[in-house]
Amino acid sequence: MHRDTTQYNIVDVRTIDGCSADSLKEALEKTVNAHPYIKTRMAIVDGDVKQERRDDETPAVSVTELAVEPSKEFFQSLVRPFDLFNDDLYRIMVFKTPSRVVLFTDFHHIVFDGGSCIVFMNTLEALLRGETVGSETYTAFD
């Protein structure tokens, strides 16, 4: 319902201290791979809406260098509805500004919720500390 709105978007913007934009990107890719449900896409199969597993897809994480510090409006402009059948159900962007590294995430509620956010951020933080993170033993697919 209401596919043309952003009411199902779960958005977060935060400064990430102590790492480069490139190392953050690498850790984010590993985090998404550790939680492959995030890569789910919706598909219509024989007239029915189904979840499509995309475990082998490379995570989409961009890094952009900005000459100026971004405003709140800049980040708000990045929030838009997801095309459930043609888009990833997440957007992960790293911004390198003159003074900091900023992480912008936007997940569709189909693949992400408050509990998922805690798990996602814990995995990311562990990877940024240099820890090894394995695959999930129980996923949303289960």
Protein backbone atom coordinates (compact mmCIF):
# COMPACT_ATOMS: atom_id res chain seq x y z
CA MET A 1 0.00 0.00 0.00
CA HIS A 2 1.04 3.60 -0.56
CA ARG A 3 4.03 2.62 -2.69
CA ASP A 4 4.49 6.20 -3.90
CA THR A 5 5.22 7.58 -0.41
CA THR A 6 8.15 7.45 1.98
CA GLN A 7 6.14 6.29 4.99
CA TYR A 8 7.92 2.90 4.90
CA ASN A 9 11.42 4.38 4.71
CA ILE A 10 13.73 3.95 7.69
CA VAL A 11 16.32 6.71 7.37
CA ASP A 12 19.44 7.41 9.41
CA VAL A 13 22.26 9.95 9.05
CA ARG A 14 25.27 9.78 11.32
CA THR A 15 28.88 10.84 11.51
CA ILE A 16 31.29 7.91 11.63
CA ASP A 17 34.48 8.68 13.52
CA GLY A 18 37.82 6.95 13.27
CA CYS A 19 37.77 5.58 9.74
CA SER A 20 38.14 6.63 6.14
CA ALA A 21 35.26 6.73 3.70
CA ASP A 22 36.77 3.78 1.82
CA SER A 23 37.17 1.60 4.92
CA LEU A 24 33.60 2.45 5.93
CA LYS A 25 32.39 1.42 2.46
CA GLU A 26 34.22 -1.90 2.75
CA ALA A 27 32.76 -2.55 6.21
CA LEU A 28 29.27 -1.65 4.96
CA GLU A 29 29.55 -4.09 2.05
CA LYS A 30 30.59 -6.84 4.46
CA THR A 31 27.71 -5.91 6.77
CA VAL A 32 25.15 -6.19 3.98
CA ASN A 33 26.67 -9.52 2.89
CA ALA A 34 26.46 -10.78 6.47
CA HIS A 35 22.73 -10.01 6.43
CA PRO A 36 21.63 -11.02 2.91
CA TYR A 37 17.93 -10.42 3.55
CA ILE A 38 18.69 -6.72 3.03
CA LYS A 39 19.37 -7.54 -0.63
CA THR A 40 15.85 -8.97 -1.12
CA ARG A 41 13.89 -7.57 -4.03
CA MET A 42 10.23 -8.03 -4.81
CA ALA A 43 9.16 -9.86 -7.99
CA ILE A 44 5.94 -10.91 -9.63
CA VAL A 45 5.97 -14.63 -10.35
CA ASP A 46 2.92 -16.21 -12.00
CA GLY A 47 0.85 -13.20 -10.95
CA ASP A 48 1.88 -13.38 -7.29
CA VAL A 49 4.21 -11.02 -5.43
CA LYS A 50 7.22 -12.95 -4.12
CA GLN A 51 10.44 -12.12 -2.35
CA GLU A 52 13.45 -12.69 -4.56
CA ARG A 53 16.69 -13.73 -2.87
CA ARG A 54 19.74 -11.96 -4.24
CA ASP A 55 22.47 -13.27 -1.94
CA ASP A 56 25.17 -13.13 -4.64
CA GLU A 57 24.50 -9.51 -5.61
CA THR A 58 27.28 -7.06 -4.81
CA PRO A 59 26.05 -4.61 -2.16
CA ALA A 60 25.32 -1.15 -3.51
CA VAL A 61 27.32 1.29 -1.37
CA SER A 62 28.42 4.60 -2.85
CA VAL A 63 31.10 7.03 -1.70
CA THR A 64 30.81 10.70 -2.66
CA GLU A 65 33.19 13.50 -1.78
CA LEU A 66 31.51 16.80 -0.98
CA ALA A 67 33.27 20.17 -1.05
CA VAL A 68 30.96 21.62 1.62
CA GLU A 69 29.19 20.27 4.68
CA PRO A 70 25.76 18.92 3.68
CA SER A 71 22.61 20.47 5.09
CA LYS A 72 19.60 18.73 6.56
CA GLU A 73 17.78 19.52 3.32
CA PHE A 74 20.49 17.75 1.34
CA PHE A 75 19.84 14.51 3.20
CA GLN A 76 16.07 14.99 3.06
CA SER A 77 16.34 15.24 -0.72
CA LEU A 78 17.86 11.75 -0.83
CA VAL A 79 14.78 10.19 0.76
CA ARG A 80 12.37 9.00 -1.89
CA PRO A 81 9.96 6.12 -2.39
CA PHE A 82 11.39 2.74 -3.36
CA ASP A 83 10.32 1.06 -6.59
CA LEU A 84 9.64 -2.32 -5.02
CA PHE A 85 10.13 -4.26 -8.24
CA ASN A 86 13.10 -2.45 -9.78
CA ASP A 87 15.13 -0.95 -6.90
CA ASP A 88 17.20 -2.37 -4.14
CA LEU A 89 15.18 -1.98 -0.94
CA TYR A 90 18.05 -0.07 0.65
CA ARG A 91 20.22 2.94 -0.09
CA ILE A 92 23.59 3.23 1.59
CA MET A 93 25.72 6.28 0.87
CA VAL A 94 28.97 7.44 2.40
CA PHE A 95 29.85 11.12 2.14
CA LYS A 96 33.36 12.42 2.69
CA THR A 97 33.11 16.08 3.69
CA PRO A 98 35.89 18.53 4.51
CA SER A 99 35.61 17.67 8.22
CA ARG A 100 33.99 14.24 8.61
CA VAL A 101 32.68 11.01 7.14
CA VAL A 102 28.87 10.77 7.09
CA LEU A 103 26.81 7.63 6.67
CA PHE A 104 23.35 7.94 5.11
CA THR A 105 21.11 4.87 5.13
CA ASP A 106 17.58 4.47 3.85
CA PHE A 107 15.93 1.05 4.14
CA HIS A 108 12.45 -0.04 3.15
CA HIS A 109 10.53 -1.49 6.08
CA ILE A 110 10.00 -4.72 4.10
CA VAL A 111 13.64 -5.65 4.80
CA PHE A 112 14.47 -3.60 7.89
CA ASP A 113 13.04 -2.50 11.24
CA GLY A 114 14.25 -1.21 14.59
CA GLY A 115 15.66 -4.60 15.62
CA SER A 116 17.39 -4.94 12.26
CA CYS A 117 18.97 -1.53 12.78
CA ILE A 118 20.55 -2.66 16.05
CA VAL A 119 21.89 -5.85 14.47
CA PHE A 120 23.12 -3.97 11.39
CA MET A 121 24.94 -1.31 13.41
CA ASN A 122 26.45 -3.88 15.81
CA THR A 123 27.83 -5.80 12.83
CA LEU A 124 29.18 -2.62 11.25
CA GLU A 125 30.83 -1.52 14.49
CA ALA A 126 32.43 -4.95 14.97
CA LEU A 127 33.86 -4.86 11.45
CA LEU A 128 35.19 -1.33 11.96
CA ARG A 129 36.97 -2.60 15.10
CA GLY A 130 38.65 -5.24 12.94
CA GLU A 131 36.62 -8.18 14.19
CA THR A 132 35.56 -11.05 11.96
CA VAL A 133 31.83 -11.39 11.42
CA GLY A 134 30.26 -14.59 10.14
CA SER A 135 27.05 -15.17 8.27
CA GLU A 136 23.74 -15.26 10.08
CA THR A 137 22.62 -18.62 11.39
CA TYR A 138 18.98 -17.53 11.40
CA THR A 139 17.67 -14.98 8.91
CA ALA A 140 14.42 -13.32 7.94
CA PHE A 141 14.25 -15.89 5.11
CA ASP A 142 13.82 -18.57 7.78
